[in-house]
Amino acid sequence: MIELNYKLDEIKLGKTINEAVKLDDNEQLFNKLCEVKRAKRELENALEALDKIDLIAKGLINAKAKELYGNNWTVIAGQGYKISRFKTGNIYMRNEDIPVNKKFIIIKELINSKAVESEIEKTGKLPKGVEINPKRNDSIRITIK
């Protein structure tokens, strides 16, 4: 059984942060952050448990539907619900032991950050054709010990 009940006041949290004289060794701020982290951890654990339950239920439904309707079943509908089955993932896969004609292969390009950083250390500048990504975001991590 999963049961959660939380009341978190983001306005109070914001007020605590905005009115803080200092951020380090601030007991009130620490307590508010602990509340948020604790709730977040419990919600993440509950979501993980729900994902497992969901996966088990879908596996049981698939097995029962195959037993009742055969391996090619695609849709089961009832009063107020519909269960659909479809394939996911790549249709084809490569046999690594046999060469494949290049027209059947897609190669994705990614910037090798380590090689770029090494080049910057050597030359002091970005390699030609490489730019800093302006769309990177900041990430703030809060760790409660």
N, C-alpha and C. Protein backbone atom coordinates (compact mmCIF):
# COMPACT_ATOMS: atom_id res chain seq x y z
N MET A 1 0.85 -1.17 0.00
CA MET A 1 0.00 0.00 0.00
C MET A 1 0.90 1.24 0.00
N ILE A 2 0.56 2.19 -0.83
CA ILE A 2 1.31 3.45 -0.91
C ILE A 2 0.39 4.57 -0.46
N GLU A 3 0.84 5.31 0.55
CA GLU A 3 0.05 6.44 1.04
C GLU A 3 0.99 7.59 1.35
N LEU A 4 0.74 8.75 0.74
CA LEU A 4 1.55 9.95 0.98
C LEU A 4 0.64 11.13 1.25
N ASN A 5 1.09 11.99 2.15
CA ASN A 5 0.32 13.20 2.44
C ASN A 5 1.32 14.29 2.83
N TYR A 6 1.47 15.30 1.96
CA TYR A 6 2.41 16.39 2.22
C TYR A 6 1.76 17.73 1.96
N LYS A 7 2.13 18.68 2.79
CA LYS A 7 1.77 20.07 2.56
C LYS A 7 3.06 20.86 2.62
N LEU A 8 3.52 21.33 1.48
CA LEU A 8 4.73 22.14 1.41
C LEU A 8 4.35 23.51 0.88
N ASP A 9 4.79 24.53 1.57
CA ASP A 9 4.45 25.90 1.22
C ASP A 9 5.63 26.55 0.51
N GLU A 10 5.58 26.61 -0.81
CA GLU A 10 6.69 27.19 -1.58
C GLU A 10 6.85 28.69 -1.32
N ILE A 11 5.76 29.35 -0.93
CA ILE A 11 5.85 30.78 -0.61
C ILE A 11 6.67 30.99 0.66
N LYS A 12 6.43 30.15 1.69
CA LYS A 12 7.21 30.24 2.92
C LYS A 12 8.68 29.93 2.66
N LEU A 13 8.93 28.92 1.81
CA LEU A 13 10.31 28.57 1.47
C LEU A 13 10.99 29.75 0.77
N GLY A 14 10.30 30.33 -0.21
CA GLY A 14 10.85 31.49 -0.92
C GLY A 14 11.11 32.65 0.02
N LYS A 15 10.19 32.88 0.96
CA LYS A 15 10.34 33.96 1.94
C LYS A 15 11.55 33.69 2.83
N THR A 16 11.70 32.44 3.26
CA THR A 16 12.84 32.07 4.10
C THR A 16 14.15 32.35 3.37
N ILE A 17 14.22 31.98 2.10
CA ILE A 17 15.44 32.20 1.32
C ILE A 17 15.67 33.69 1.10
N ASN A 18 14.64 34.42 0.70
CA ASN A 18 14.78 35.85 0.42
C ASN A 18 15.12 36.67 1.65
N GLU A 19 14.62 36.26 2.81
CA GLU A 19 14.86 37.02 4.03
C GLU A 19 16.11 36.56 4.78
N ALA A 20 16.80 35.54 4.25
CA ALA A 20 17.98 35.01 4.94
C ALA A 20 19.10 36.04 4.97
N VAL A 21 19.68 36.20 6.15
CA VAL A 21 20.83 37.08 6.31
C VAL A 21 22.08 36.35 5.79
N LYS A 22 22.09 35.04 5.95
CA LYS A 22 23.16 34.20 5.42
C LYS A 22 22.57 32.86 5.01
N LEU A 23 23.22 32.17 4.08
CA LEU A 23 22.73 30.88 3.62
C LEU A 23 23.42 29.72 4.32
N ASP A 24 24.67 29.94 4.75
CA ASP A 24 25.37 28.86 5.46
C ASP A 24 24.99 28.89 6.94
N ASP A 25 24.92 27.72 7.53
CA ASP A 25 24.56 27.58 8.94
C ASP A 25 23.25 28.28 9.30
N ASN A 26 22.28 28.22 8.41
CA ASN A 26 20.97 28.83 8.64
C ASN A 26 20.00 27.69 8.98
N GLU A 27 19.71 27.53 10.26
CA GLU A 27 18.90 26.41 10.74
C GLU A 27 17.50 26.38 10.12
N GLN A 28 16.88 27.55 10.00
CA GLN A 28 15.52 27.62 9.43
C GLN A 28 15.53 27.18 7.97
N LEU A 29 16.52 27.66 7.21
CA LEU A 29 16.64 27.27 5.80
C LEU A 29 16.92 25.78 5.68
N PHE A 30 17.82 25.29 6.52
CA PHE A 30 18.17 23.87 6.51
C PHE A 30 16.93 23.01 6.75
N ASN A 31 16.11 23.39 7.73
CA ASN A 31 14.89 22.63 8.03
C ASN A 31 13.91 22.63 6.87
N LYS A 32 13.74 23.79 6.22
CA LYS A 32 12.84 23.89 5.07
C LYS A 32 13.34 23.00 3.92
N LEU A 33 14.65 23.05 3.67
CA LEU A 33 15.23 22.24 2.60
C LEU A 33 15.09 20.75 2.90
N CYS A 34 15.24 20.40 4.17
CA CYS A 34 15.07 19.00 4.57
C CYS A 34 13.64 18.52 4.30
N GLU A 35 12.66 19.36 4.58
CA GLU A 35 11.27 19.02 4.30
C GLU A 35 11.08 18.73 2.81
N VAL A 36 11.62 19.61 1.98
CA VAL A 36 11.47 19.45 0.53
C VAL A 36 12.18 18.18 0.06
N LYS A 37 13.42 17.97 0.50
CA LYS A 37 14.19 16.80 0.07
C LYS A 37 13.52 15.51 0.54
N ARG A 38 13.02 15.51 1.77
CA ARG A 38 12.37 14.31 2.32
C ARG A 38 11.11 13.98 1.49
N ALA A 39 10.30 15.00 1.23
CA ALA A 39 9.08 14.78 0.43
C ALA A 39 9.44 14.30 -0.97
N LYS A 40 10.44 14.92 -1.57
CA LYS A 40 10.85 14.54 -2.91
C LYS A 40 11.33 13.09 -2.95
N ARG A 41 12.14 12.70 -1.96
CA ARG A 41 12.66 11.33 -1.90
C ARG A 41 11.52 10.33 -1.74
N GLU A 42 10.56 10.64 -0.86
CA GLU A 42 9.44 9.72 -0.65
C GLU A 42 8.56 9.63 -1.90
N LEU A 43 8.35 10.75 -2.57
CA LEU A 43 7.58 10.73 -3.82
C LEU A 43 8.30 9.94 -4.90
N GLU A 44 9.61 10.11 -5.00
CA GLU A 44 10.39 9.34 -5.98
C GLU A 44 10.30 7.85 -5.69
N ASN A 45 10.39 7.48 -4.40
CA ASN A 45 10.27 6.07 -4.02
C ASN A 45 8.88 5.53 -4.35
N ALA A 46 7.85 6.36 -4.10
CA ALA A 46 6.48 5.94 -4.42
C ALA A 46 6.31 5.77 -5.92
N LEU A 47 6.86 6.70 -6.71
CA LEU A 47 6.77 6.59 -8.16
C LEU A 47 7.50 5.34 -8.66
N GLU A 48 8.64 5.04 -8.07
CA GLU A 48 9.38 3.84 -8.44
C GLU A 48 8.55 2.59 -8.15
N ALA A 49 7.92 2.58 -6.99
CA ALA A 49 7.06 1.44 -6.62
C ALA A 49 5.87 1.33 -7.58
N LEU A 50 5.27 2.46 -7.92
CA LEU A 50 4.14 2.46 -8.86
C LEU A 50 4.57 1.98 -10.24
N ASP A 51 5.76 2.39 -10.68
CA ASP A 51 6.27 1.91 -11.97
C ASP A 51 6.43 0.40 -11.98
N LYS A 52 6.93 -0.16 -10.87
CA LYS A 52 7.08 -1.62 -10.77
C LYS A 52 5.71 -2.31 -10.81
N ILE A 53 4.76 -1.77 -10.07
CA ILE A 53 3.40 -2.34 -10.05
C ILE A 53 2.79 -2.26 -11.45
N ASP A 54 2.96 -1.12 -12.12
CA ASP A 54 2.44 -0.93 -13.47
C ASP A 54 3.06 -1.94 -14.44
N LEU A 55 4.37 -2.15 -14.35
CA LEU A 55 5.07 -3.10 -15.22
C LEU A 55 4.57 -4.52 -14.98
N ILE A 56 4.40 -4.89 -13.72
CA ILE A 56 3.91 -6.23 -13.39
C ILE A 56 2.49 -6.42 -13.93
N ALA A 57 1.62 -5.43 -13.71
CA ALA A 57 0.23 -5.52 -14.17
C ALA A 57 0.18 -5.66 -15.70
N LYS A 58 0.99 -4.87 -16.42
CA LYS A 58 1.00 -4.95 -17.88
C LYS A 58 1.51 -6.31 -18.36
N GLY A 59 2.51 -6.85 -17.66
CA GLY A 59 3.00 -8.18 -18.02
C GLY A 59 1.94 -9.25 -17.82
N LEU A 60 1.21 -9.16 -16.72
CA LEU A 60 0.14 -10.11 -16.44
C LEU A 60 -0.98 -9.98 -17.48
N ILE A 61 -1.34 -8.74 -17.82
CA ILE A 61 -2.38 -8.50 -18.83
C ILE A 61 -1.95 -9.08 -20.17
N ASN A 62 -0.70 -8.83 -20.56
CA ASN A 62 -0.19 -9.33 -21.84
C ASN A 62 -0.23 -10.86 -21.88
N ALA A 63 0.22 -11.49 -20.80
CA ALA A 63 0.23 -12.95 -20.75
C ALA A 63 -1.20 -13.51 -20.83
N LYS A 64 -2.12 -12.90 -20.07
CA LYS A 64 -3.51 -13.37 -20.07
C LYS A 64 -4.17 -13.13 -21.43
N ALA A 65 -3.89 -11.98 -22.04
CA ALA A 65 -4.46 -11.68 -23.36
C ALA A 65 -3.94 -12.65 -24.41
N LYS A 66 -2.66 -13.00 -24.35
CA LYS A 66 -2.10 -13.98 -25.29
C LYS A 66 -2.77 -15.33 -25.09
N GLU A 67 -3.01 -15.69 -23.83
CA GLU A 67 -3.67 -16.96 -23.51
C GLU A 67 -5.10 -16.97 -24.06
N LEU A 68 -5.82 -15.85 -23.91
CA LEU A 68 -7.21 -15.79 -24.32
C LEU A 68 -7.41 -15.51 -25.81
N TYR A 69 -6.58 -14.61 -26.37
CA TYR A 69 -6.81 -14.11 -27.74
C TYR A 69 -5.71 -14.46 -28.73
N GLY A 70 -4.61 -15.04 -28.26
CA GLY A 70 -3.51 -15.40 -29.14
C GLY A 70 -2.39 -14.36 -29.12
N ASN A 71 -1.26 -14.72 -29.74
CA ASN A 71 -0.06 -13.87 -29.72
C ASN A 71 -0.19 -12.58 -30.51
N ASN A 72 -1.17 -12.48 -31.37
CA ASN A 72 -1.29 -11.30 -32.23
C ASN A 72 -2.33 -10.29 -31.74
N TRP A 73 -2.76 -10.39 -30.51
CA TRP A 73 -3.77 -9.44 -30.00
C TRP A 73 -3.20 -8.03 -30.04
N THR A 74 -4.05 -7.03 -30.29
CA THR A 74 -3.59 -5.64 -30.35
C THR A 74 -4.42 -4.70 -29.48
N VAL A 75 -5.73 -4.95 -29.34
CA VAL A 75 -6.56 -4.02 -28.56
C VAL A 75 -7.60 -4.80 -27.77
N ILE A 76 -7.78 -4.40 -26.52
CA ILE A 76 -8.85 -4.91 -25.68
C ILE A 76 -9.56 -3.68 -25.13
N ALA A 77 -10.87 -3.62 -25.33
CA ALA A 77 -11.62 -2.45 -24.87
C ALA A 77 -12.73 -2.91 -23.94
N GLY A 78 -12.96 -2.12 -22.92
CA GLY A 78 -14.03 -2.40 -21.98
C GLY A 78 -14.73 -1.11 -21.63
N GLN A 79 -15.67 -1.18 -20.71
CA GLN A 79 -16.42 0.00 -20.28
C GLN A 79 -15.46 1.01 -19.64
N GLY A 80 -15.15 2.09 -20.34
CA GLY A 80 -14.30 3.15 -19.80
C GLY A 80 -12.81 2.90 -19.88
N TYR A 81 -12.37 1.86 -20.56
CA TYR A 81 -10.93 1.64 -20.70
C TYR A 81 -10.61 0.94 -22.02
N LYS A 82 -9.36 1.09 -22.42
CA LYS A 82 -8.86 0.46 -23.63
C LYS A 82 -7.41 0.08 -23.39
N ILE A 83 -7.04 -1.14 -23.71
CA ILE A 83 -5.67 -1.60 -23.56
C ILE A 83 -5.14 -1.89 -24.95
N SER A 84 -4.07 -1.23 -25.32
CA SER A 84 -3.47 -1.40 -26.65
C SER A 84 -2.11 -2.04 -26.52
N ARG A 85 -1.76 -2.85 -27.49
CA ARG A 85 -0.45 -3.49 -27.53
C ARG A 85 0.20 -3.15 -28.85
N PHE A 86 1.44 -2.66 -28.80
CA PHE A 86 2.19 -2.36 -30.01
C PHE A 86 3.66 -2.60 -29.74
N LYS A 87 4.40 -2.81 -30.79
CA LYS A 87 5.83 -3.07 -30.69
C LYS A 87 6.58 -1.76 -30.50
N THR A 88 7.68 -1.82 -29.75
CA THR A 88 8.54 -0.65 -29.56
C THR A 88 9.96 -1.01 -29.95
N GLY A 89 10.80 0.00 -30.05
CA GLY A 89 12.21 -0.23 -30.38
C GLY A 89 12.42 -0.36 -31.87
N ASN A 90 13.65 -0.55 -32.23
CA ASN A 90 14.01 -0.68 -33.65
C ASN A 90 13.41 -1.94 -34.25
N ILE A 91 12.97 -1.84 -35.48
CA ILE A 91 12.42 -3.00 -36.17
C ILE A 91 13.54 -3.98 -36.53
N TYR A 92 14.66 -3.43 -36.94
CA TYR A 92 15.79 -4.26 -37.38
C TYR A 92 17.00 -4.00 -36.49
N MET A 93 17.88 -4.99 -36.41
CA MET A 93 19.12 -4.81 -35.69
C MET A 93 20.27 -5.37 -36.52
N ARG A 94 21.43 -4.88 -36.21
CA ARG A 94 22.61 -5.26 -36.98
C ARG A 94 23.25 -6.52 -36.39
N ASN A 95 23.63 -7.44 -37.27
CA ASN A 95 24.43 -8.59 -36.89
C ASN A 95 25.88 -8.14 -37.00
N GLU A 96 26.56 -8.00 -35.87
CA GLU A 96 27.92 -7.44 -35.83
C GLU A 96 28.93 -8.33 -36.56
N ASP A 97 28.61 -9.59 -36.79
CA ASP A 97 29.55 -10.51 -37.44
C ASP A 97 29.52 -10.43 -38.97
N ILE A 98 28.51 -9.74 -39.51
CA ILE A 98 28.36 -9.67 -40.97
C ILE A 98 28.38 -8.20 -41.39
N PRO A 99 29.24 -7.84 -42.36
CA PRO A 99 29.29 -6.44 -42.83
C PRO A 99 27.94 -6.03 -43.44
N VAL A 100 27.56 -4.75 -43.21
CA VAL A 100 26.30 -4.22 -43.72
C VAL A 100 26.61 -3.08 -44.68
N ASN A 101 25.87 -3.03 -45.78
CA ASN A 101 26.01 -1.94 -46.73
C ASN A 101 25.75 -0.62 -46.01
N LYS A 102 26.62 0.38 -46.23
CA LYS A 102 26.53 1.66 -45.51
C LYS A 102 25.20 2.39 -45.73
N LYS A 103 24.49 2.10 -46.83
CA LYS A 103 23.21 2.79 -47.06
C LYS A 103 22.15 2.39 -46.03
N PHE A 104 22.40 1.29 -45.31
CA PHE A 104 21.46 0.84 -44.31
C PHE A 104 21.84 1.29 -42.89
N ILE A 105 22.88 2.09 -42.77
CA ILE A 105 23.39 2.52 -41.47
C ILE A 105 23.25 4.03 -41.32
N ILE A 106 22.80 4.48 -40.14
CA ILE A 106 22.75 5.91 -39.80
C ILE A 106 23.83 6.17 -38.75
N ILE A 107 24.65 7.17 -38.99
CA ILE A 107 25.68 7.55 -38.04
C ILE A 107 25.33 8.92 -37.48
N LYS A 108 25.27 9.03 -36.15
CA LYS A 108 24.94 10.30 -35.50
C LYS A 108 26.23 10.99 -35.08
N GLU A 109 26.30 12.30 -35.29
CA GLU A 109 27.46 13.08 -34.90
C GLU A 109 27.24 13.74 -33.56
N LEU A 110 28.23 13.65 -32.69
CA LEU A 110 28.23 14.34 -31.41
C LEU A 110 29.59 14.99 -31.23
N ILE A 111 29.63 16.12 -30.55
CA ILE A 111 30.90 16.77 -30.25
C ILE A 111 31.60 15.99 -29.14
N ASN A 112 32.88 15.69 -29.33
CA ASN A 112 33.69 15.01 -28.34
C ASN A 112 34.25 16.06 -27.39
N SER A 113 33.58 16.28 -26.26
CA SER A 113 33.94 17.35 -25.32
C SER A 113 35.37 17.21 -24.80
N LYS A 114 35.79 15.98 -24.52
CA LYS A 114 37.15 15.78 -24.00
C LYS A 114 38.19 16.19 -25.03
N ALA A 115 37.96 15.86 -26.30
CA ALA A 115 38.90 16.24 -27.35
C ALA A 115 38.93 17.75 -27.53
N VAL A 116 37.76 18.40 -27.43
CA VAL A 116 37.68 19.85 -27.55
C VAL A 116 38.43 20.51 -26.40
N GLU A 117 38.21 20.03 -25.18
CA GLU A 117 38.91 20.59 -24.02
C GLU A 117 40.41 20.42 -24.13
N SER A 118 40.84 19.29 -24.65
CA SER A 118 42.26 19.05 -24.86
C SER A 118 42.83 20.04 -25.89
N GLU A 119 42.08 20.29 -26.93
CA GLU A 119 42.49 21.24 -27.96
C GLU A 119 42.58 22.66 -27.40
N ILE A 120 41.63 23.02 -26.54
CA ILE A 120 41.64 24.35 -25.92
C ILE A 120 42.89 24.49 -25.03
N GLU A 121 43.23 23.41 -24.31
CA GLU A 121 44.44 23.45 -23.47
C GLU A 121 45.69 23.66 -24.31
N LYS A 122 45.74 23.04 -25.48
CA LYS A 122 46.91 23.15 -26.35
C LYS A 122 46.99 24.51 -27.05
N THR A 123 45.86 24.96 -27.61
CA THR A 123 45.88 26.16 -28.46
C THR A 123 45.32 27.41 -27.79
N GLY A 124 44.52 27.22 -26.73
CA GLY A 124 43.92 28.35 -26.06
C GLY A 124 42.65 28.84 -26.75
N LYS A 125 42.16 28.11 -27.73
CA LYS A 125 40.93 28.53 -28.41
C LYS A 125 40.12 27.31 -28.86
N LEU A 126 38.85 27.58 -29.19
CA LEU A 126 37.97 26.52 -29.68
C LEU A 126 38.41 26.07 -31.07
N PRO A 127 38.27 24.79 -31.37
CA PRO A 127 38.55 24.33 -32.73
C PRO A 127 37.57 24.96 -33.72
N LYS A 128 37.99 25.11 -34.95
CA LYS A 128 37.15 25.68 -35.99
C LYS A 128 35.86 24.85 -36.13
N GLY A 129 34.71 25.55 -36.18
CA GLY A 129 33.42 24.88 -36.35
C GLY A 129 32.76 24.45 -35.05
N VAL A 130 33.44 24.66 -33.92
CA VAL A 130 32.88 24.28 -32.62
C VAL A 130 32.57 25.55 -31.85
N GLU A 131 31.39 25.60 -31.24
CA GLU A 131 30.96 26.78 -30.48
C GLU A 131 30.50 26.34 -29.09
N ILE A 132 30.48 27.30 -28.16
CA ILE A 132 29.89 27.06 -26.84
C ILE A 132 28.38 27.02 -27.01
N ASN A 133 27.72 26.05 -26.39
CA ASN A 133 26.27 25.91 -26.48
C ASN A 133 25.60 26.97 -25.60
N PRO A 134 24.87 27.93 -26.20
CA PRO A 134 24.24 28.98 -25.40
C PRO A 134 22.97 28.51 -24.68
N LYS A 135 22.50 27.32 -24.97
CA LYS A 135 21.24 26.83 -24.40
C LYS A 135 21.44 25.97 -23.16
N ARG A 136 22.68 25.89 -22.64
CA ARG A 136 22.90 25.10 -21.42
C ARG A 136 22.24 25.78 -20.24
N ASN A 137 21.72 24.99 -19.34
CA ASN A 137 21.02 25.51 -18.15
C ASN A 137 21.88 25.32 -16.91
N ASP A 138 21.53 26.04 -15.86
CA ASP A 138 22.16 25.85 -14.55
C ASP A 138 21.42 24.73 -13.83
N SER A 139 22.15 23.96 -13.08
CA SER A 139 21.55 22.93 -12.24
C SER A 139 22.04 23.16 -10.82
N ILE A 140 21.12 23.28 -9.89
CA ILE A 140 21.46 23.45 -8.48
C ILE A 140 21.14 22.15 -7.77
N ARG A 141 22.12 21.58 -7.08
CA ARG A 141 21.91 20.33 -6.35
C ARG A 141 21.96 20.63 -4.87
N ILE A 142 21.00 20.11 -4.13
CA ILE A 142 20.97 20.26 -2.68
C ILE A 142 21.18 18.88 -2.09
N THR A 143 22.19 18.74 -1.27
CA THR A 143 22.49 17.45 -0.63
C THR A 143 22.26 17.59 0.87
N ILE A 144 21.46 16.72 1.41
CA ILE A 144 21.21 16.70 2.85
C ILE A 144 22.02 15.55 3.43
N LYS A 145 22.86 15.85 4.40
CA LYS A 145 23.72 14.82 5.01
C LYS A 145 23.04 14.19 6.20
